Amino acid sequence: MSDFDLDLQAIEGEIDEADGAATRVVLGVLDGGTPKSDWVAEVESGGVLVLAVEGNLNRLAGGFARDVRELGGELIHFRQFLIVTPPGVSIDTDRLG
């Protein structure tokens, strides 16, 4: 057998950076208490937002929805939640019937 050094952690880091996958899921409440720029920053850094909507969705998300779309992200209102994904992470709604 030949000896070789395989650094799986380094490879995993390269794969994570290369595929553009979301790095985390951020749970929050969309009630106007968090600055819209904070939500955009979370999406820019690769986070998926799952936000419980407390109030008028159009008014609460209006300040950052366009910015997220311009970045290449997606937004969908599902039940009482707004799901926001970064670029490269699509929202599959096929099973909603």
PDB file of N, CA and C in Angstrom:
ATOM      1  N   MET A   1       0.838  -1.187   0.000  1.00  0.00           N
ATOM      2  CA  MET A   1       0.000   0.000   0.000  1.00  0.00           C
ATOM      3  C   MET A   1       0.873   1.237   0.000  1.00  0.00           C
ATOM      4  N   SER A   2       0.459   2.214  -0.724  1.00  0.00           N
ATOM      5  CA  SER A   2       1.213   3.459  -0.736  1.00  0.00           C
ATOM      6  C   SER A   2       0.678   4.388   0.337  1.00  0.00           C
ATOM      7  N   ASP A   3       1.565   5.199   0.876  1.00  0.00           N
ATOM      8  CA  ASP A   3       1.164   6.181   1.873  1.00  0.00           C
ATOM      9  C   ASP A   3       0.910   7.505   1.177  1.00  0.00           C
ATOM     10  N   PHE A   4      -0.224   8.101   1.449  1.00  0.00           N
ATOM     11  CA  PHE A   4      -0.486   9.439   0.942  1.00  0.00           C
ATOM     12  C   PHE A   4      -1.299  10.188   1.981  1.00  0.00           C
ATOM     13  N   ASP A   5      -1.195  11.495   1.944  1.00  0.00           N
ATOM     14  CA  ASP A   5      -1.848  12.338   2.937  1.00  0.00           C
ATOM     15  C   ASP A   5      -3.095  12.947   2.317  1.00  0.00           C
ATOM     16  N   LEU A   6      -4.247  12.589   2.847  1.00  0.00           N
ATOM     17  CA  LEU A   6      -5.517  13.106   2.360  1.00  0.00           C
ATOM     18  C   LEU A   6      -6.160  13.925   3.473  1.00  0.00           C
ATOM     19  N   ASP A   7      -6.272  15.218   3.264  1.00  0.00           N
ATOM     20  CA  ASP A   7      -6.851  16.121   4.258  1.00  0.00           C
ATOM     21  C   ASP A   7      -8.326  16.335   3.918  1.00  0.00           C
ATOM     22  N   LEU A   8      -9.192  15.505   4.505  1.00  0.00           N
ATOM     23  CA  LEU A   8     -10.614  15.563   4.193  1.00  0.00           C
ATOM     24  C   LEU A   8     -11.263  16.874   4.628  1.00  0.00           C
ATOM     25  N   GLN A   9     -10.806  17.468   5.710  1.00  0.00           N
ATOM     26  CA  GLN A   9     -11.380  18.736   6.147  1.00  0.00           C
ATOM     27  C   GLN A   9     -11.104  19.840   5.132  1.00  0.00           C
ATOM     28  N   ALA A  10      -9.909  19.864   4.580  1.00  0.00           N
ATOM     29  CA  ALA A  10      -9.588  20.877   3.581  1.00  0.00           C
ATOM     30  C   ALA A  10     -10.414  20.667   2.315  1.00  0.00           C
ATOM     31  N   ILE A  11     -10.586  19.410   1.937  1.00  0.00           N
ATOM     32  CA  ILE A  11     -11.383  19.108   0.747  1.00  0.00           C
ATOM     33  C   ILE A  11     -12.834  19.510   0.983  1.00  0.00           C
ATOM     34  N   GLU A  12     -13.360  19.190   2.151  1.00  0.00           N
ATOM     35  CA  GLU A  12     -14.739  19.555   2.463  1.00  0.00           C
ATOM     36  C   GLU A  12     -14.930  21.066   2.395  1.00  0.00           C
ATOM     37  N   GLY A  13     -13.969  21.815   2.899  1.00  0.00           N
ATOM     38  CA  GLY A  13     -14.033  23.270   2.835  1.00  0.00           C
ATOM     39  C   GLY A  13     -14.050  23.778   1.407  1.00  0.00           C
ATOM     40  N   GLU A  14     -13.258  23.161   0.555  1.00  0.00           N
ATOM     41  CA  GLU A  14     -13.232  23.537  -0.854  1.00  0.00           C
ATOM     42  C   GLU A  14     -14.572  23.239  -1.522  1.00  0.00           C
ATOM     43  N   ILE A  15     -15.156  22.098  -1.213  1.00  0.00           N
ATOM     44  CA  ILE A  15     -16.436  21.734  -1.801  1.00  0.00           C
ATOM     45  C   ILE A  15     -17.516  22.709  -1.350  1.00  0.00           C
ATOM     46  N   ASP A  16     -17.544  23.025  -0.057  1.00  0.00           N
ATOM     47  CA  ASP A  16     -18.538  23.957   0.459  1.00  0.00           C
ATOM     48  C   ASP A  16     -18.438  25.309  -0.224  1.00  0.00           C
ATOM     49  N   GLU A  17     -17.238  25.786  -0.438  1.00  0.00           N
ATOM     50  CA  GLU A  17     -17.061  27.072  -1.090  1.00  0.00           C
ATOM     51  C   GLU A  17     -17.410  26.991  -2.566  1.00  0.00           C
ATOM     52  N   ALA A  18     -17.140  25.888  -3.195  1.00  0.00           N
ATOM     53  CA  ALA A  18     -17.341  25.762  -4.629  1.00  0.00           C
ATOM     54  C   ALA A  18     -18.793  25.601  -5.018  1.00  0.00           C
ATOM     55  N   ASP A  19     -19.588  24.889  -4.228  1.00  0.00           N
ATOM     56  CA  ASP A  19     -20.945  24.620  -4.661  1.00  0.00           C
ATOM     57  C   ASP A  19     -21.949  25.708  -4.289  1.00  0.00           C
ATOM     58  N   GLY A  20     -21.559  26.685  -3.509  1.00  0.00           N
ATOM     59  CA  GLY A  20     -22.434  27.800  -3.180  1.00  0.00           C
ATOM     60  C   GLY A  20     -23.593  27.419  -2.273  1.00  0.00           C
ATOM     61  N   ALA A  21     -23.479  26.318  -1.583  1.00  0.00           N
ATOM     62  CA  ALA A  21     -24.562  25.857  -0.719  1.00  0.00           C
ATOM     63  C   ALA A  21     -24.756  26.806   0.458  1.00  0.00           C
ATOM     64  N   ALA A  22     -25.975  26.830   0.944  1.00  0.00           N
ATOM     65  CA  ALA A  22     -26.264  27.640   2.118  1.00  0.00           C
ATOM     66  C   ALA A  22     -25.413  27.159   3.288  1.00  0.00           C
ATOM     67  N   THR A  23     -24.999  28.105   4.117  1.00  0.00           N
ATOM     68  CA  THR A  23     -24.142  27.747   5.236  1.00  0.00           C
ATOM     69  C   THR A  23     -24.914  27.527   6.519  1.00  0.00           C
ATOM     70  N   ARG A  24     -26.140  28.061   6.592  1.00  0.00           N
ATOM     71  CA  ARG A  24     -26.916  27.914   7.815  1.00  0.00           C
ATOM     72  C   ARG A  24     -28.376  28.304   7.545  1.00  0.00           C
ATOM     73  N   VAL A  25     -29.234  27.895   8.473  1.00  0.00           N
ATOM     74  CA  VAL A  25     -30.642  28.285   8.444  1.00  0.00           C
ATOM     75  C   VAL A  25     -30.860  29.227   9.619  1.00  0.00           C
ATOM     76  N   VAL A  26     -31.404  30.400   9.330  1.00  0.00           N
ATOM     77  CA  VAL A  26     -31.617  31.430  10.343  1.00  0.00           C
ATOM     78  C   VAL A  26     -33.114  31.543  10.616  1.00  0.00           C
ATOM     79  N   LEU A  27     -33.514  31.262  11.851  1.00  0.00           N
ATOM     80  CA  LEU A  27     -34.910  31.406  12.248  1.00  0.00           C
ATOM     81  C   LEU A  27     -35.094  32.783  12.856  1.00  0.00           C
ATOM     82  N   GLY A  28     -36.185  33.436  12.491  1.00  0.00           N
ATOM     83  CA  GLY A  28     -36.425  34.767  13.021  1.00  0.00           C
ATOM     84  C   GLY A  28     -37.881  35.154  12.915  1.00  0.00           C
ATOM     85  N   VAL A  29     -38.169  36.352  13.372  1.00  0.00           N
ATOM     86  CA  VAL A  29     -39.518  36.900  13.323  1.00  0.00           C
ATOM     87  C   VAL A  29     -39.474  38.163  12.468  1.00  0.00           C
ATOM     88  N   LEU A  30     -40.331  38.195  11.474  1.00  0.00           N
ATOM     89  CA  LEU A  30     -40.432  39.369  10.610  1.00  0.00           C
ATOM     90  C   LEU A  30     -41.569  40.231  11.155  1.00  0.00           C
ATOM     91  N   ASP A  31     -41.188  41.208  11.966  1.00  0.00           N
ATOM     92  CA  ASP A  31     -42.188  42.072  12.612  1.00  0.00           C
ATOM     93  C   ASP A  31     -41.796  43.547  12.536  1.00  0.00           C
ATOM     94  N   GLY A  32     -40.759  43.845  11.793  1.00  0.00           N
ATOM     95  CA  GLY A  32     -40.296  45.220  11.684  1.00  0.00           C
ATOM     96  C   GLY A  32     -39.232  45.575  12.700  1.00  0.00           C
ATOM     97  N   GLY A  33     -38.926  44.687  13.622  1.00  0.00           N
ATOM     98  CA  GLY A  33     -37.946  44.969  14.667  1.00  0.00           C
ATOM     99  C   GLY A  33     -36.501  44.817  14.227  1.00  0.00           C
ATOM    100  N   THR A  34     -36.260  44.048  13.165  1.00  0.00           N
ATOM    101  CA  THR A  34     -34.902  43.840  12.650  1.00  0.00           C
ATOM    102  C   THR A  34     -34.716  44.693  11.406  1.00  0.00           C
ATOM    103  N   PRO A  35     -33.625  45.447  11.325  1.00  0.00           N
ATOM    104  CA  PRO A  35     -33.391  46.256  10.124  1.00  0.00           C
ATOM    105  C   PRO A  35     -33.357  45.388   8.860  1.00  0.00           C
ATOM    106  N   LYS A  36     -33.959  45.887   7.811  1.00  0.00           N
ATOM    107  CA  LYS A  36     -34.009  45.152   6.550  1.00  0.00           C
ATOM    108  C   LYS A  36     -32.617  44.813   6.032  1.00  0.00           C
ATOM    109  N   SER A  37     -31.664  45.687   6.292  1.00  0.00           N
ATOM    110  CA  SER A  37     -30.293  45.445   5.839  1.00  0.00           C
ATOM    111  C   SER A  37     -29.691  44.212   6.512  1.00  0.00           C
ATOM    112  N   ASP A  38     -30.134  43.901   7.738  1.00  0.00           N
ATOM    113  CA  ASP A  38     -29.650  42.697   8.427  1.00  0.00           C
ATOM    114  C   ASP A  38     -30.109  41.432   7.713  1.00  0.00           C
ATOM    115  N   TRP A  39     -31.368  41.423   7.250  1.00  0.00           N
ATOM    116  CA  TRP A  39     -31.866  40.253   6.528  1.00  0.00           C
ATOM    117  C   TRP A  39     -31.108  40.063   5.218  1.00  0.00           C
ATOM    118  N   VAL A  40     -30.861  41.154   4.509  1.00  0.00           N
ATOM    119  CA  VAL A  40     -30.110  41.073   3.246  1.00  0.00           C
ATOM    120  C   VAL A  40     -28.699  40.566   3.512  1.00  0.00           C
ATOM    121  N   ALA A  41     -28.061  41.054   4.561  1.00  0.00           N
ATOM    122  CA  ALA A  41     -26.702  40.612   4.901  1.00  0.00           C
ATOM    123  C   ALA A  41     -26.669  39.113   5.203  1.00  0.00           C
ATOM    124  N   GLU A  42     -27.685  38.609   5.883  1.00  0.00           N
ATOM    125  CA  GLU A  42     -27.751  37.170   6.171  1.00  0.00           C
ATOM    126  C   GLU A  42     -27.808  36.364   4.879  1.00  0.00           C
ATOM    127  N   VAL A  43     -28.622  36.817   3.944  1.00  0.00           N
ATOM    128  CA  VAL A  43     -28.753  36.120   2.660  1.00  0.00           C
ATOM    129  C   VAL A  43     -27.454  36.228   1.862  1.00  0.00           C
ATOM    130  N   GLU A  44     -26.849  37.403   1.861  1.00  0.00           N
ATOM    131  CA  GLU A  44     -25.575  37.583   1.154  1.00  0.00           C
ATOM    132  C   GLU A  44     -24.496  36.654   1.680  1.00  0.00           C
ATOM    133  N   SER A  45     -24.543  36.361   2.982  1.00  0.00           N
ATOM    134  CA  SER A  45     -23.520  35.495   3.571  1.00  0.00           C
ATOM    135  C   SER A  45     -23.879  34.016   3.463  1.00  0.00           C
ATOM    136  N   GLY A  46     -24.958  33.699   2.742  1.00  0.00           N
ATOM    137  CA  GLY A  46     -25.302  32.311   2.482  1.00  0.00           C
ATOM    138  C   GLY A  46     -26.356  31.720   3.371  1.00  0.00           C
ATOM    139  N   GLY A  47     -26.985  32.522   4.210  1.00  0.00           N
ATOM    140  CA  GLY A  47     -28.003  32.007   5.114  1.00  0.00           C
ATOM    141  C   GLY A  47     -29.358  31.854   4.455  1.00  0.00           C
ATOM    142  N   VAL A  48     -30.091  30.833   4.870  1.00  0.00           N
ATOM    143  CA  VAL A  48     -31.486  30.648   4.497  1.00  0.00           C
ATOM    144  C   VAL A  48     -32.313  31.194   5.650  1.00  0.00           C
ATOM    145  N   LEU A  49     -33.245  32.092   5.351  1.00  0.00           N
ATOM    146  CA  LEU A  49     -34.085  32.690   6.381  1.00  0.00           C
ATOM    147  C   LEU A  49     -35.428  31.977   6.444  1.00  0.00           C
ATOM    148  N   VAL A  50     -35.862  31.644   7.639  1.00  0.00           N
ATOM    149  CA  VAL A  50     -37.210  31.138   7.884  1.00  0.00           C
ATOM    150  C   VAL A  50     -37.803  32.107   8.900  1.00  0.00           C
ATOM    151  N   LEU A  51     -38.661  32.995   8.401  1.00  0.00           N
ATOM    152  CA  LEU A  51     -39.153  34.097   9.218  1.00  0.00           C
ATOM    153  C   LEU A  51     -40.641  33.969   9.483  1.00  0.00           C
ATOM    154  N   ALA A  52     -41.034  33.944  10.752  1.00  0.00           N
ATOM    155  CA  ALA A  52     -42.444  33.970  11.126  1.00  0.00           C
ATOM    156  C   ALA A  52     -42.951  35.388  10.870  1.00  0.00           C
ATOM    157  N   VAL A  53     -43.990  35.503  10.060  1.00  0.00           N
ATOM    158  CA  VAL A  53     -44.512  36.814   9.682  1.00  0.00           C
ATOM    159  C   VAL A  53     -45.543  37.265  10.707  1.00  0.00           C
ATOM    160  N   GLU A  54     -45.277  38.418  11.309  1.00  0.00           N
ATOM    161  CA  GLU A  54     -46.197  39.011  12.278  1.00  0.00           C
ATOM    162  C   GLU A  54     -46.558  40.413  11.796  1.00  0.00           C
ATOM    163  N   GLY A  55     -47.571  40.476  10.961  1.00  0.00           N
ATOM    164  CA  GLY A  55     -48.004  41.742  10.400  1.00  0.00           C
ATOM    165  C   GLY A  55     -48.206  41.611   8.908  1.00  0.00           C
ATOM    166  N   ASN A  56     -48.234  42.748   8.238  1.00  0.00           N
ATOM    167  CA  ASN A  56     -48.459  42.797   6.803  1.00  0.00           C
ATOM    168  C   ASN A  56     -47.185  42.395   6.056  1.00  0.00           C
ATOM    169  N   LEU A  57     -47.242  41.254   5.373  1.00  0.00           N
ATOM    170  CA  LEU A  57     -46.068  40.727   4.683  1.00  0.00           C
ATOM    171  C   LEU A  57     -45.503  41.712   3.669  1.00  0.00           C
ATOM    172  N   ASN A  58     -46.353  42.307   2.855  1.00  0.00           N
ATOM    173  CA  ASN A  58     -45.865  43.222   1.821  1.00  0.00           C
ATOM    174  C   ASN A  58     -45.121  44.408   2.420  1.00  0.00           C
ATOM    175  N   ARG A  59     -45.640  44.943   3.490  1.00  0.00           N
ATOM    176  CA  ARG A  59     -44.982  46.084   4.130  1.00  0.00           C
ATOM    177  C   ARG A  59     -43.675  45.659   4.794  1.00  0.00           C
ATOM    178  N   LEU A  60     -43.696  44.512   5.482  1.00  0.00           N
ATOM    179  CA  LEU A  60     -42.526  44.065   6.240  1.00  0.00           C
ATOM    180  C   LEU A  60     -41.383  43.585   5.342  1.00  0.00           C
ATOM    181  N   ALA A  61     -41.700  42.897   4.262  1.00  0.00           N
ATOM    182  CA  ALA A  61     -40.662  42.348   3.384  1.00  0.00           C
ATOM    183  C   ALA A  61     -40.330  43.266   2.220  1.00  0.00           C
ATOM    184  N   GLY A  62     -41.158  44.262   2.002  1.00  0.00           N
ATOM    185  CA  GLY A  62     -40.967  45.144   0.859  1.00  0.00           C
ATOM    186  C   GLY A  62     -39.606  45.816   0.803  1.00  0.00           C
ATOM    187  N   GLY A  63     -39.028  46.100   1.930  1.00  0.00           N
ATOM    188  CA  GLY A  63     -37.750  46.799   1.959  1.00  0.00           C
ATOM    189  C   GLY A  63     -36.555  45.959   1.565  1.00  0.00           C
ATOM    190  N   PHE A  64     -36.686  44.622   1.593  1.00  0.00           N
ATOM    191  CA  PHE A  64     -35.528  43.796   1.256  1.00  0.00           C
ATOM    192  C   PHE A  64     -35.797  42.746   0.181  1.00  0.00           C
ATOM    193  N   ALA A  65     -37.046  42.524  -0.172  1.00  0.00           N
ATOM    194  CA  ALA A  65     -37.372  41.492  -1.168  1.00  0.00           C
ATOM    195  C   ALA A  65     -36.701  41.769  -2.514  1.00  0.00           C
ATOM    196  N   ARG A  66     -36.759  42.999  -2.973  1.00  0.00           N
ATOM    197  CA  ARG A  66     -36.140  43.349  -4.259  1.00  0.00           C
ATOM    198  C   ARG A  66     -34.629  43.141  -4.213  1.00  0.00           C
ATOM    199  N   ASP A  67     -34.008  43.529  -3.099  1.00  0.00           N
ATOM    200  CA  ASP A  67     -32.556  43.348  -2.957  1.00  0.00           C
ATOM    201  C   ASP A  67     -32.181  41.871  -3.027  1.00  0.00           C
ATOM    202  N   VAL A  68     -32.967  41.023  -2.358  1.00  0.00           N
ATOM    203  CA  VAL A  68     -32.697  39.585  -2.373  1.00  0.00           C
ATOM    204  C   VAL A  68     -32.834  39.038  -3.783  1.00  0.00           C
ATOM    205  N   ARG A  69     -33.885  39.442  -4.484  1.00  0.00           N
ATOM    206  CA  ARG A  69     -34.085  38.980  -5.870  1.00  0.00           C
ATOM    207  C   ARG A  69     -32.950  39.449  -6.782  1.00  0.00           C
ATOM    208  N   GLU A  70     -32.512  40.683  -6.598  1.00  0.00           N
ATOM    209  CA  GLU A  70     -31.413  41.207  -7.408  1.00  0.00           C
ATOM    210  C   GLU A  70     -30.114  40.445  -7.164  1.00  0.00           C
ATOM    211  N   LEU A  71     -29.948  39.923  -5.952  1.00  0.00           N
ATOM    212  CA  LEU A  71     -28.774  39.108  -5.630  1.00  0.00           C
ATOM    213  C   LEU A  71     -28.857  37.726  -6.282  1.00  0.00           C
ATOM    214  N   GLY A  72     -30.069  37.331  -6.689  1.00  0.00           N
ATOM    215  CA  GLY A  72     -30.280  35.992  -7.239  1.00  0.00           C
ATOM    216  C   GLY A  72     -30.940  35.051  -6.265  1.00  0.00           C
ATOM    217  N   GLY A  73     -31.392  35.569  -5.123  1.00  0.00           N
ATOM    218  CA  GLY A  73     -32.068  34.758  -4.119  1.00  0.00           C
ATOM    219  C   GLY A  73     -33.536  34.591  -4.438  1.00  0.00           C
ATOM    220  N   GLU A  74     -34.203  33.771  -3.641  1.00  0.00           N
ATOM    221  CA  GLU A  74     -35.625  33.515  -3.831  1.00  0.00           C
ATOM    222  C   GLU A  74     -36.382  33.769  -2.533  1.00  0.00           C
ATOM    223  N   LEU A  75     -37.660  34.124  -2.677  1.00  0.00           N
ATOM    224  CA  LEU A  75     -38.541  34.317  -1.531  1.00  0.00           C
ATOM    225  C   LEU A  75     -39.863  33.620  -1.815  1.00  0.00           C
ATOM    226  N   ILE A  76     -40.440  33.020  -0.782  1.00  0.00           N
ATOM    227  CA  ILE A  76     -41.768  32.435  -0.908  1.00  0.00           C
ATOM    228  C   ILE A  76     -42.469  32.523   0.432  1.00  0.00           C
ATOM    229  N   HIS A  77     -43.752  32.860   0.387  1.00  0.00           N
ATOM    230  CA  HIS A  77     -44.574  32.896   1.590  1.00  0.00           C
ATOM    231  C   HIS A  77     -45.251  31.540   1.695  1.00  0.00           C
ATOM    232  N   PHE A  78     -44.988  30.816   2.772  1.00  0.00           N
ATOM    233  CA  PHE A  78     -45.557  29.496   2.994  1.00  0.00           C
ATOM    234  C   PHE A  78     -46.181  29.461   4.375  1.00  0.00           C
ATOM    235  N   ARG A  79     -47.495  29.314   4.389  1.00  0.00           N
ATOM    236  CA  ARG A  79     -48.276  29.353   5.627  1.00  0.00           C
ATOM    237  C   ARG A  79     -48.002  30.674   6.338  1.00  0.00           C
ATOM    238  N   GLN A  80     -47.501  30.663   7.558  1.00  0.00           N
ATOM    239  CA  GLN A  80     -47.234  31.935   8.254  1.00  0.00           C
ATOM    240  C   GLN A  80     -45.759  32.322   8.200  1.00  0.00           C
ATOM    241  N   PHE A  81     -45.022  31.734   7.247  1.00  0.00           N
ATOM    242  CA  PHE A  81     -43.583  31.970   7.188  1.00  0.00           C
ATOM    243  C   PHE A  81     -43.157  32.535   5.849  1.00  0.00           C
ATOM    244  N   LEU A  82     -42.109  33.332   5.896  1.00  0.00           N
ATOM    245  CA  LEU A  82     -41.442  33.783   4.685  1.00  0.00           C
ATOM    246  C   LEU A  82     -40.119  33.031   4.625  1.00  0.00           C
ATOM    247  N   ILE A  83     -39.908  32.287   3.536  1.00  0.00           N
ATOM    248  CA  ILE A  83     -38.677  31.539   3.336  1.00  0.00           C
ATOM    249  C   ILE A  83     -37.849  32.336   2.329  1.00  0.00           C
ATOM    250  N   VAL A  84     -36.610  32.620   2.675  1.00  0.00           N
ATOM    251  CA  VAL A  84     -35.725  33.406   1.820  1.00  0.00           C
ATOM    252  C   VAL A  84     -34.431  32.627   1.645  1.00  0.00           C
ATOM    253  N   THR A  85     -34.040  32.403   0.384  1.00  0.00           N
ATOM    254  CA  THR A  85     -32.815  31.639   0.124  1.00  0.00           C
ATOM    255  C   THR A  85     -31.793  32.491  -0.614  1.00  0.00           C
ATOM    256  N   PRO A  86     -30.527  32.184  -0.417  1.00  0.00           N
ATOM    257  CA  PRO A  86     -29.463  32.909  -1.116  1.00  0.00           C
ATOM    258  C   PRO A  86     -29.345  32.407  -2.554  1.00  0.00           C
ATOM    259  N   PRO A  87     -28.564  33.092  -3.370  1.00  0.00           N
ATOM    260  CA  PRO A  87     -28.334  32.639  -4.742  1.00  0.00           C
ATOM    261  C   PRO A  87     -27.819  31.204  -4.744  1.00  0.00           C
ATOM    262  N   GLY A  88     -28.327  30.413  -5.679  1.00  0.00           N
ATOM    263  CA  GLY A  88     -27.873  29.034  -5.808  1.00  0.00           C
ATOM    264  C   GLY A  88     -28.669  28.025  -5.008  1.00  0.00           C
ATOM    265  N   VAL A  89     -29.583  28.511  -4.151  1.00  0.00           N
ATOM    266  CA  VAL A  89     -30.434  27.611  -3.375  1.00  0.00           C
ATOM    267  C   VAL A  89     -31.865  27.860  -3.830  1.00  0.00           C
ATOM    268  N   SER A  90     -32.435  26.890  -4.530  1.00  0.00           N
ATOM    269  CA  SER A  90     -33.784  27.076  -5.050  1.00  0.00           C
ATOM    270  C   SER A  90     -34.823  26.547  -4.078  1.00  0.00           C
ATOM    271  N   ILE A  91     -36.011  27.070  -4.180  1.00  0.00           N
ATOM    272  CA  ILE A  91     -37.133  26.630  -3.355  1.00  0.00           C
ATOM    273  C   ILE A  91     -38.016  25.751  -4.235  1.00  0.00           C
ATOM    274  N   ASP A  92     -38.153  24.499  -3.861  1.00  0.00           N
ATOM    275  CA  ASP A  92     -38.936  23.530  -4.622  1.00  0.00           C
ATOM    276  C   ASP A  92     -40.354  23.499  -4.061  1.00  0.00           C
ATOM    277  N   THR A  93     -41.319  23.908  -4.867  1.00  0.00           N
ATOM    278  CA  THR A  93     -42.711  23.942  -4.422  1.00  0.00           C
ATOM    279  C   THR A  93     -43.545  22.849  -5.093  1.00  0.00           C
ATOM    280  N   ASP A  94     -42.914  21.906  -5.742  1.00  0.00           N
ATOM    281  CA  ASP A  94     -43.632  20.878  -6.487  1.00  0.00           C
ATOM    282  C   ASP A  94     -44.586  20.055  -5.631  1.00  0.00           C
ATOM    283  N   ARG A  95     -44.284  19.841  -4.385  1.00  0.00           N
ATOM    284  CA  ARG A  95     -45.108  18.974  -3.528  1.00  0.00           C
ATOM    285  C   ARG A  95     -46.251  19.720  -2.846  1.00  0.00           C
ATOM    286  N   LEU A  96     -46.391  20.985  -3.126  1.00  0.00           N
ATOM    287  CA  LEU A  96     -47.464  21.751  -2.495  1.00  0.00           C
ATOM    288  C   LEU A  96     -48.802  21.517  -3.181  1.00  0.00           C
ATOM    289  N   GLY A  97     -48.772  20.908  -4.354  1.00  0.00           N
ATOM    290  CA  GLY A  97     -49.970  20.459  -5.048  1.00  0.00           C
ATOM    291  C   GLY A  97     -50.815  21.501  -5.580  1.00  0.00           C
TER     292      GLY A  97
END
